[in-house]
PDB file of N, CA and C in Angstrom:
ATOM      1  N   MET A   1       0.846  -1.166   0.000  1.00  0.00           N
ATOM      2  CA  MET A   1       0.000   0.000   0.000  1.00  0.00           C
ATOM      3  C   MET A   1       0.898   1.238   0.000  1.00  0.00           C
ATOM      4  N   ALA A   2       0.559   2.201  -0.815  1.00  0.00           N
ATOM      5  CA  ALA A   2       1.331   3.446  -0.888  1.00  0.00           C
ATOM      6  C   ALA A   2       1.017   4.310   0.330  1.00  0.00           C
ATOM      7  N   THR A   3       2.011   4.997   0.786  1.00  0.00           N
ATOM      8  CA  THR A   3       1.790   5.908   1.905  1.00  0.00           C
ATOM      9  C   THR A   3       1.599   7.308   1.378  1.00  0.00           C
ATOM     10  N   PHE A   4       0.924   8.108   2.147  1.00  0.00           N
ATOM     11  CA  PHE A   4       0.654   9.490   1.775  1.00  0.00           C
ATOM     12  C   PHE A   4       1.271  10.399   2.817  1.00  0.00           C
ATOM     13  N   GLN A   5       2.097  11.299   2.361  1.00  0.00           N
ATOM     14  CA  GLN A   5       2.686  12.296   3.261  1.00  0.00           C
ATOM     15  C   GLN A   5       1.692  13.438   3.373  1.00  0.00           C
ATOM     16  N   GLY A   6       0.966  13.502   4.459  1.00  0.00           N
ATOM     17  CA  GLY A   6      -0.043  14.540   4.646  1.00  0.00           C
ATOM     18  C   GLY A   6       0.569  15.905   4.851  1.00  0.00           C
ATOM     19  N   SER A   7      -0.249  16.887   4.717  1.00  0.00           N
ATOM     20  CA  SER A   7       0.209  18.245   4.972  1.00  0.00           C
ATOM     21  C   SER A   7      -0.866  18.972   5.749  1.00  0.00           C
ATOM     22  N   VAL A   8      -0.452  19.985   6.439  1.00  0.00           N
ATOM     23  CA  VAL A   8      -1.366  20.799   7.212  1.00  0.00           C
ATOM     24  C   VAL A   8      -1.507  22.125   6.493  1.00  0.00           C
ATOM     25  N   ALA A   9      -2.746  22.560   6.324  1.00  0.00           N
ATOM     26  CA  ALA A   9      -2.963  23.854   5.673  1.00  0.00           C
ATOM     27  C   ALA A   9      -2.310  24.934   6.510  1.00  0.00           C
ATOM     28  N   SER A  10      -1.594  25.791   5.843  1.00  0.00           N
ATOM     29  CA  SER A  10      -0.969  26.896   6.560  1.00  0.00           C
ATOM     30  C   SER A  10      -1.336  28.194   5.882  1.00  0.00           C
ATOM     31  N   ARG A  11      -1.245  29.244   6.636  1.00  0.00           N
ATOM     32  CA  ARG A  11      -1.621  30.540   6.133  1.00  0.00           C
ATOM     33  C   ARG A  11      -0.597  31.536   6.635  1.00  0.00           C
ATOM     34  N   ASN A  12       0.183  32.048   5.738  1.00  0.00           N
ATOM     35  CA  ASN A  12       1.195  33.037   6.101  1.00  0.00           C
ATOM     36  C   ASN A  12       0.625  34.422   5.885  1.00  0.00           C
ATOM     37  N   GLY A  13       0.102  35.021   6.937  1.00  0.00           N
ATOM     38  CA  GLY A  13      -0.510  36.339   6.813  1.00  0.00           C
ATOM     39  C   GLY A  13      -1.949  36.222   6.362  1.00  0.00           C
ATOM     40  N   ALA A  14      -2.614  37.348   6.274  1.00  0.00           N
ATOM     41  CA  ALA A  14      -4.022  37.378   5.884  1.00  0.00           C
ATOM     42  C   ALA A  14      -4.164  37.203   4.376  1.00  0.00           C
ATOM     43  N   ILE A  15      -5.170  36.458   3.978  1.00  0.00           N
ATOM     44  CA  ILE A  15      -5.467  36.286   2.563  1.00  0.00           C
ATOM     45  C   ILE A  15      -6.462  37.368   2.175  1.00  0.00           C
ATOM     46  N   PRO A  16      -6.107  38.225   1.220  1.00  0.00           N
ATOM     47  CA  PRO A  16      -7.028  39.285   0.816  1.00  0.00           C
ATOM     48  C   PRO A  16      -8.337  38.717   0.284  1.00  0.00           C
ATOM     49  N   PHE A  17      -9.416  39.452   0.456  1.00  0.00           N
ATOM     50  CA  PHE A  17     -10.730  39.036  -0.023  1.00  0.00           C
ATOM     51  C   PHE A  17     -10.653  38.761  -1.515  1.00  0.00           C
ATOM     52  N   GLY A  18     -11.255  37.700  -1.940  1.00  0.00           N
ATOM     53  CA  GLY A  18     -11.278  37.362  -3.345  1.00  0.00           C
ATOM     54  C   GLY A  18     -10.222  36.345  -3.736  1.00  0.00           C
ATOM     55  N   ASP A  19      -9.182  36.188  -2.939  1.00  0.00           N
ATOM     56  CA  ASP A  19      -8.180  35.168  -3.230  1.00  0.00           C
ATOM     57  C   ASP A  19      -8.744  33.802  -2.849  1.00  0.00           C
ATOM     58  N   VAL A  20      -8.227  32.788  -3.461  1.00  0.00           N
ATOM     59  CA  VAL A  20      -8.666  31.431  -3.160  1.00  0.00           C
ATOM     60  C   VAL A  20      -7.471  30.572  -2.809  1.00  0.00           C
ATOM     61  N   VAL A  21      -7.727  29.497  -2.108  1.00  0.00           N
ATOM     62  CA  VAL A  21      -6.708  28.529  -1.732  1.00  0.00           C
ATOM     63  C   VAL A  21      -7.178  27.173  -2.215  1.00  0.00           C
ATOM     64  N   GLU A  22      -6.284  26.429  -2.827  1.00  0.00           N
ATOM     65  CA  GLU A  22      -6.610  25.098  -3.284  1.00  0.00           C
ATOM     66  C   GLU A  22      -6.222  24.094  -2.206  1.00  0.00           C
ATOM     67  N   ILE A  23      -7.127  23.179  -1.905  1.00  0.00           N
ATOM     68  CA  ILE A  23      -6.826  22.133  -0.938  1.00  0.00           C
ATOM     69  C   ILE A  23      -7.020  20.777  -1.609  1.00  0.00           C
ATOM     70  N   GLY A  24      -6.226  19.815  -1.193  1.00  0.00           N
ATOM     71  CA  GLY A  24      -6.367  18.467  -1.710  1.00  0.00           C
ATOM     72  C   GLY A  24      -7.350  17.686  -0.849  1.00  0.00           C
ATOM     73  N   LEU A  25      -8.050  16.761  -1.461  1.00  0.00           N
ATOM     74  CA  LEU A  25      -9.021  15.957  -0.730  1.00  0.00           C
ATOM     75  C   LEU A  25      -8.935  14.524  -1.221  1.00  0.00           C
ATOM     76  N   LEU A  26      -8.618  13.626  -0.319  1.00  0.00           N
ATOM     77  CA  LEU A  26      -8.592  12.205  -0.659  1.00  0.00           C
ATOM     78  C   LEU A  26      -9.892  11.569  -0.194  1.00  0.00           C
ATOM     79  N   LEU A  27     -10.578  10.918  -1.118  1.00  0.00           N
ATOM     80  CA  LEU A  27     -11.836  10.238  -0.806  1.00  0.00           C
ATOM     81  C   LEU A  27     -11.766   8.807  -1.315  1.00  0.00           C
ATOM     82  N   PRO A  28     -12.428   7.900  -0.623  1.00  0.00           N
ATOM     83  CA  PRO A  28     -12.574   6.565  -1.203  1.00  0.00           C
ATOM     84  C   PRO A  28     -13.313   6.696  -2.544  1.00  0.00           C
ATOM     85  N   ALA A  29     -12.990   5.849  -3.489  1.00  0.00           N
ATOM     86  CA  ALA A  29     -13.567   5.939  -4.833  1.00  0.00           C
ATOM     87  C   ALA A  29     -15.094   5.926  -4.814  1.00  0.00           C
ATOM     88  N   HIS A  30     -15.686   5.100  -3.950  1.00  0.00           N
ATOM     89  CA  HIS A  30     -17.154   5.034  -3.927  1.00  0.00           C
ATOM     90  C   HIS A  30     -17.766   6.345  -3.433  1.00  0.00           C
ATOM     91  N   ARG A  31     -17.055   7.052  -2.545  1.00  0.00           N
ATOM     92  CA  ARG A  31     -17.544   8.357  -2.085  1.00  0.00           C
ATOM     93  C   ARG A  31     -17.439   9.400  -3.194  1.00  0.00           C
ATOM     94  N   ALA A  32     -16.342   9.366  -3.940  1.00  0.00           N
ATOM     95  CA  ALA A  32     -16.172  10.302  -5.056  1.00  0.00           C
ATOM     96  C   ALA A  32     -17.254  10.061  -6.110  1.00  0.00           C
ATOM     97  N   ASP A  33     -17.545   8.805  -6.409  1.00  0.00           N
ATOM     98  CA  ASP A  33     -18.602   8.482  -7.369  1.00  0.00           C
ATOM     99  C   ASP A  33     -19.954   8.996  -6.882  1.00  0.00           C
ATOM    100  N   ALA A  34     -20.241   8.788  -5.606  1.00  0.00           N
ATOM    101  CA  ALA A  34     -21.510   9.251  -5.040  1.00  0.00           C
ATOM    102  C   ALA A  34     -21.592  10.779  -5.077  1.00  0.00           C
ATOM    103  N   LEU A  35     -20.483  11.441  -4.821  1.00  0.00           N
ATOM    104  CA  LEU A  35     -20.458  12.900  -4.852  1.00  0.00           C
ATOM    105  C   LEU A  35     -20.703  13.418  -6.272  1.00  0.00           C
ATOM    106  N   LEU A  36     -20.132  12.758  -7.262  1.00  0.00           N
ATOM    107  CA  LEU A  36     -20.382  13.144  -8.656  1.00  0.00           C
ATOM    108  C   LEU A  36     -21.847  12.943  -9.036  1.00  0.00           C
ATOM    109  N   GLU A  37     -22.448  11.855  -8.585  1.00  0.00           N
ATOM    110  CA  GLU A  37     -23.874  11.615  -8.863  1.00  0.00           C
ATOM    111  C   GLU A  37     -24.741  12.674  -8.188  1.00  0.00           C
ATOM    112  N   LEU A  38     -24.410  13.024  -6.956  1.00  0.00           N
ATOM    113  CA  LEU A  38     -25.142  14.083  -6.248  1.00  0.00           C
ATOM    114  C   LEU A  38     -25.021  15.397  -7.004  1.00  0.00           C
ATOM    115  N   SER A  39     -23.831  15.673  -7.493  1.00  0.00           N
ATOM    116  CA  SER A  39     -23.584  16.883  -8.262  1.00  0.00           C
ATOM    117  C   SER A  39     -24.486  16.948  -9.495  1.00  0.00           C
ATOM    118  N   LYS A  40     -24.614  15.845 -10.182  1.00  0.00           N
ATOM    119  CA  LYS A  40     -25.478  15.794 -11.366  1.00  0.00           C
ATOM    120  C   LYS A  40     -26.937  16.002 -10.999  1.00  0.00           C
ATOM    121  N   ARG A  41     -27.386  15.324  -9.939  1.00  0.00           N
ATOM    122  CA  ARG A  41     -28.788  15.445  -9.531  1.00  0.00           C
ATOM    123  C   ARG A  41     -29.131  16.865  -9.107  1.00  0.00           C
ATOM    124  N   ARG A  42     -28.224  17.503  -8.387  1.00  0.00           N
ATOM    125  CA  ARG A  42     -28.469  18.871  -7.904  1.00  0.00           C
ATOM    126  C   ARG A  42     -28.141  19.935  -8.945  1.00  0.00           C
ATOM    127  N   GLN A  43     -27.518  19.523 -10.020  1.00  0.00           N
ATOM    128  CA  GLN A  43     -27.047  20.444 -11.053  1.00  0.00           C
ATOM    129  C   GLN A  43     -26.169  21.535 -10.431  1.00  0.00           C
ATOM    130  N   GLN A  44     -25.259  21.086  -9.587  1.00  0.00           N
ATOM    131  CA  GLN A  44     -24.266  21.934  -8.937  1.00  0.00           C
ATOM    132  C   GLN A  44     -22.908  21.282  -9.134  1.00  0.00           C
ATOM    133  N   SER A  45     -21.867  22.095  -9.123  1.00  0.00           N
ATOM    134  CA  SER A  45     -20.538  21.511  -9.193  1.00  0.00           C
ATOM    135  C   SER A  45     -20.205  20.875  -7.849  1.00  0.00           C
ATOM    136  N   VAL A  46     -19.237  19.967  -7.877  1.00  0.00           N
ATOM    137  CA  VAL A  46     -18.766  19.354  -6.634  1.00  0.00           C
ATOM    138  C   VAL A  46     -18.237  20.452  -5.711  1.00  0.00           C
ATOM    139  N   GLY A  47     -17.536  21.429  -6.275  1.00  0.00           N
ATOM    140  CA  GLY A  47     -17.025  22.538  -5.478  1.00  0.00           C
ATOM    141  C   GLY A  47     -18.132  23.309  -4.778  1.00  0.00           C
ATOM    142  N   GLN A  48     -19.237  23.557  -5.483  1.00  0.00           N
ATOM    143  CA  GLN A  48     -20.365  24.267  -4.866  1.00  0.00           C
ATOM    144  C   GLN A  48     -20.932  23.476  -3.699  1.00  0.00           C
ATOM    145  N   ILE A  49     -21.057  22.179  -3.877  1.00  0.00           N
ATOM    146  CA  ILE A  49     -21.590  21.328  -2.808  1.00  0.00           C
ATOM    147  C   ILE A  49     -20.658  21.358  -1.602  1.00  0.00           C
ATOM    148  N   LEU A  50     -19.366  21.176  -1.838  1.00  0.00           N
ATOM    149  CA  LEU A  50     -18.403  21.153  -0.728  1.00  0.00           C
ATOM    150  C   LEU A  50     -18.320  22.508  -0.026  1.00  0.00           C
ATOM    151  N   ARG A  51     -18.316  23.602  -0.792  1.00  0.00           N
ATOM    152  CA  ARG A  51     -18.289  24.931  -0.159  1.00  0.00           C
ATOM    153  C   ARG A  51     -19.520  25.148   0.703  1.00  0.00           C
ATOM    154  N   GLY A  52     -20.686  24.692   0.235  1.00  0.00           N
ATOM    155  CA  GLY A  52     -21.912  24.815   1.027  1.00  0.00           C
ATOM    156  C   GLY A  52     -21.827  24.030   2.330  1.00  0.00           C
ATOM    157  N   LEU A  53     -21.293  22.816   2.258  1.00  0.00           N
ATOM    158  CA  LEU A  53     -21.136  22.006   3.466  1.00  0.00           C
ATOM    159  C   LEU A  53     -20.159  22.644   4.445  1.00  0.00           C
ATOM    160  N   ILE A  54     -19.065  23.172   3.919  1.00  0.00           N
ATOM    161  CA  ILE A  54     -18.069  23.839   4.773  1.00  0.00           C
ATOM    162  C   ILE A  54     -18.670  25.078   5.416  1.00  0.00           C
ATOM    163  N   ASP A  55     -19.372  25.893   4.620  1.00  0.00           N
ATOM    164  CA  ASP A  55     -20.003  27.103   5.164  1.00  0.00           C
ATOM    165  C   ASP A  55     -20.977  26.753   6.281  1.00  0.00           C
ATOM    166  N   ARG A  56     -21.793  25.723   6.047  1.00  0.00           N
ATOM    167  CA  ARG A  56     -22.768  25.312   7.056  1.00  0.00           C
ATOM    168  C   ARG A  56     -22.090  24.854   8.344  1.00  0.00           C
ATOM    169  N   ALA A  57     -21.019  24.071   8.217  1.00  0.00           N
ATOM    170  CA  ALA A  57     -20.296  23.591   9.394  1.00  0.00           C
ATOM    171  C   ALA A  57     -19.681  24.745  10.169  1.00  0.00           C
ATOM    172  N   LEU A  58     -19.140  25.723   9.467  1.00  0.00           N
ATOM    173  CA  LEU A  58     -18.529  26.874  10.141  1.00  0.00           C
ATOM    174  C   LEU A  58     -19.573  27.713  10.861  1.00  0.00           C
ATOM    175  N   VAL A  59     -20.728  27.911  10.240  1.00  0.00           N
ATOM    176  CA  VAL A  59     -21.809  28.675  10.880  1.00  0.00           C
ATOM    177  C   VAL A  59     -22.309  27.934  12.118  1.00  0.00           C
ATOM    178  N   GLU A  60     -22.493  26.612  11.999  1.00  0.00           N
ATOM    179  CA  GLU A  60     -22.945  25.818  13.146  1.00  0.00           C
ATOM    180  C   GLU A  60     -21.931  25.882  14.284  1.00  0.00           C
ATOM    181  N   ASP A  61     -20.655  25.839  13.958  1.00  0.00           N
ATOM    182  CA  ASP A  61     -19.618  25.907  14.978  1.00  0.00           C
ATOM    183  C   ASP A  61     -19.617  27.259  15.675  1.00  0.00           C
ATOM    184  N   GLU A  62     -19.779  28.323  14.886  1.00  0.00           N
ATOM    185  CA  GLU A  62     -19.838  29.665  15.474  1.00  0.00           C
ATOM    186  C   GLU A  62     -21.030  29.793  16.401  1.00  0.00           C
ATOM    187  N   SER A  63     -22.170  29.241  15.985  1.00  0.00           N
ATOM    188  CA  SER A  63     -23.377  29.301  16.812  1.00  0.00           C
ATOM    189  C   SER A  63     -23.199  28.511  18.095  1.00  0.00           C
ATOM    190  N   ALA A  64     -22.582  27.336  17.995  1.00  0.00           N
ATOM    191  CA  ALA A  64     -22.386  26.475  19.163  1.00  0.00           C
ATOM    192  C   ALA A  64     -21.406  27.086  20.156  1.00  0.00           C
ATOM    193  N   SER A  65     -20.423  27.820  19.624  1.00  0.00           N
ATOM    194  CA  SER A  65     -19.411  28.406  20.525  1.00  0.00           C
ATOM    195  C   SER A  65     -19.824  29.788  21.014  1.00  0.00           C
ATOM    196  N   GLY A  66     -20.963  30.291  20.551  1.00  0.00           N
ATOM    197  CA  GLY A  66     -21.442  31.578  21.019  1.00  0.00           C
ATOM    198  C   GLY A  66     -20.805  32.762  20.320  1.00  0.00           C
ATOM    199  N   SER A  67     -20.027  32.538  19.262  1.00  0.00           N
ATOM    200  CA  SER A  67     -19.412  33.617  18.513  1.00  0.00           C
ATOM    201  C   SER A  67     -20.455  34.280  17.632  1.00  0.00           C
ATOM    202  N   VAL A  68     -20.230  35.537  17.361  1.00  0.00           N
ATOM    203  CA  VAL A  68     -21.143  36.271  16.482  1.00  0.00           C
ATOM    204  C   VAL A  68     -20.411  36.708  15.248  1.00  0.00           C
TER     205      VAL A  68
END
């Protein structure tokens, strides 16, 4: 089995508004296939789906921690 040298996202200074960061994502093949099918059904890109999930998780975390 091949090993994967993981990395931790780092941020050197503030990222100006409008800039983007690319992140790698390893998924089991069956999950990637399911995500592509979901993308087709919703007529959304995989990126749109993932950004929505991330946004929702961040909002829920802020609400749970009492941050505004």
